[in-house]
Amino acid sequence: MERRTTSIKIDPDLWKKVRKYCIDKEMDVSDYIEGLIKVDMERKNKGVKTSTSEI
């Protein structure tokens, strides 16, 4: 699968928490974020309301 490099702006404290979580779980932050996006998109396609449904 091809992957695109991008940048995001994120709260520094949240970034630290995400990095620590991913280190503890031995996963890449990019894989974690990509997984969250996929789950959210699948829910939206099924019509499930999420906290980001209005975005």
C-alpha atoms as a PDB file:
ATOM      1  CA  MET A   1       0.000   0.000   0.000  1.00  0.00           C
ATOM      2  CA  GLU A   2       1.300   3.419  -0.933  1.00  0.00           C
ATOM      3  CA  ARG A   3       1.463   5.931   1.891  1.00  0.00           C
ATOM      4  CA  ARG A   4       1.611   9.689   1.661  1.00  0.00           C
ATOM      5  CA  THR A   5       3.768  11.814   3.931  1.00  0.00           C
ATOM      6  CA  THR A   6       1.927  14.737   5.467  1.00  0.00           C
ATOM      7  CA  SER A   7       2.072  16.980   8.488  1.00  0.00           C
ATOM      8  CA  ILE A   8      -0.534  17.882  11.066  1.00  0.00           C
ATOM      9  CA  LYS A   9      -0.771  20.463  13.802  1.00  0.00           C
ATOM     10  CA  ILE A  10      -1.561  18.980  17.192  1.00  0.00           C
ATOM     11  CA  ASP A  11      -1.583  20.129  20.794  1.00  0.00           C
ATOM     12  CA  PRO A  12       1.895  19.435  22.232  1.00  0.00           C
ATOM     13  CA  ASP A  13       0.539  17.789  25.393  1.00  0.00           C
ATOM     14  CA  LEU A  14      -1.722  15.505  23.359  1.00  0.00           C
ATOM     15  CA  TRP A  15       1.212  14.630  21.083  1.00  0.00           C
ATOM     16  CA  LYS A  16       3.301  13.601  24.099  1.00  0.00           C
ATOM     17  CA  LYS A  17       0.489  11.373  25.379  1.00  0.00           C
ATOM     18  CA  VAL A  18       0.001   9.763  21.963  1.00  0.00           C
ATOM     19  CA  ARG A  19       3.737   9.155  21.535  1.00  0.00           C
ATOM     20  CA  LYS A  20       3.994   7.591  24.995  1.00  0.00           C
ATOM     21  CA  TYR A  21       0.944   5.404  24.341  1.00  0.00           C
ATOM     22  CA  CYS A  22       2.373   4.220  21.027  1.00  0.00           C
ATOM     23  CA  ILE A  23       5.793   3.545  22.522  1.00  0.00           C
ATOM     24  CA  ASP A  24       4.171   1.504  25.300  1.00  0.00           C
ATOM     25  CA  LYS A  25       2.179  -0.462  22.679  1.00  0.00           C
ATOM     26  CA  GLU A  26       5.231  -0.772  20.391  1.00  0.00           C
ATOM     27  CA  MET A  27       3.476   0.856  17.445  1.00  0.00           C
ATOM     28  CA  ASP A  28       4.129   3.809  15.141  1.00  0.00           C
ATOM     29  CA  VAL A  29       2.160   6.982  15.777  1.00  0.00           C
ATOM     30  CA  SER A  30       1.294   7.145  12.080  1.00  0.00           C
ATOM     31  CA  ASP A  31      -0.184   3.617  12.199  1.00  0.00           C
ATOM     32  CA  TYR A  32      -2.201   4.556  15.286  1.00  0.00           C
ATOM     33  CA  ILE A  33      -3.583   7.737  13.723  1.00  0.00           C
ATOM     34  CA  GLU A  34      -4.309   5.981  10.434  1.00  0.00           C
ATOM     35  CA  GLY A  35      -6.234   3.313  12.338  1.00  0.00           C
ATOM     36  CA  LEU A  36      -8.309   5.951  14.139  1.00  0.00           C
ATOM     37  CA  ILE A  37      -9.127   7.657  10.851  1.00  0.00           C
ATOM     38  CA  LYS A  38     -10.153   4.351   9.235  1.00  0.00           C
ATOM     39  CA  VAL A  39     -12.467   3.469  12.143  1.00  0.00           C
ATOM     40  CA  ASP A  40     -14.048   6.923  12.073  1.00  0.00           C
ATOM     41  CA  MET A  41     -14.581   6.790   8.301  1.00  0.00           C
ATOM     42  CA  GLU A  42     -16.134   3.306   8.528  1.00  0.00           C
ATOM     43  CA  ARG A  43     -18.535   4.536  11.211  1.00  0.00           C
ATOM     44  CA  LYS A  44     -19.483   7.550   9.112  1.00  0.00           C
ATOM     45  CA  ASN A  45     -20.136   5.310   6.108  1.00  0.00           C
ATOM     46  CA  LYS A  46     -22.504   3.273   8.294  1.00  0.00           C
ATOM     47  CA  GLY A  47     -24.251   6.405   9.538  1.00  0.00           C
ATOM     48  CA  VAL A  48     -22.971   6.068  13.114  1.00  0.00           C
ATOM     49  CA  LYS A  49     -22.644   9.386  14.921  1.00  0.00           C
ATOM     50  CA  THR A  50     -19.135  10.130  16.194  1.00  0.00           C
ATOM     51  CA  SER A  51     -17.630  13.104  17.929  1.00  0.00           C
ATOM     52  CA  THR A  52     -16.263  14.226  14.551  1.00  0.00           C
ATOM     53  CA  SER A  53     -19.447  13.598  12.531  1.00  0.00           C
ATOM     54  CA  GLU A  54     -19.923  17.287  11.928  1.00  0.00           C
ATOM     55  CA  ILE A  55     -16.455  17.732  10.404  1.00  0.00           C
END
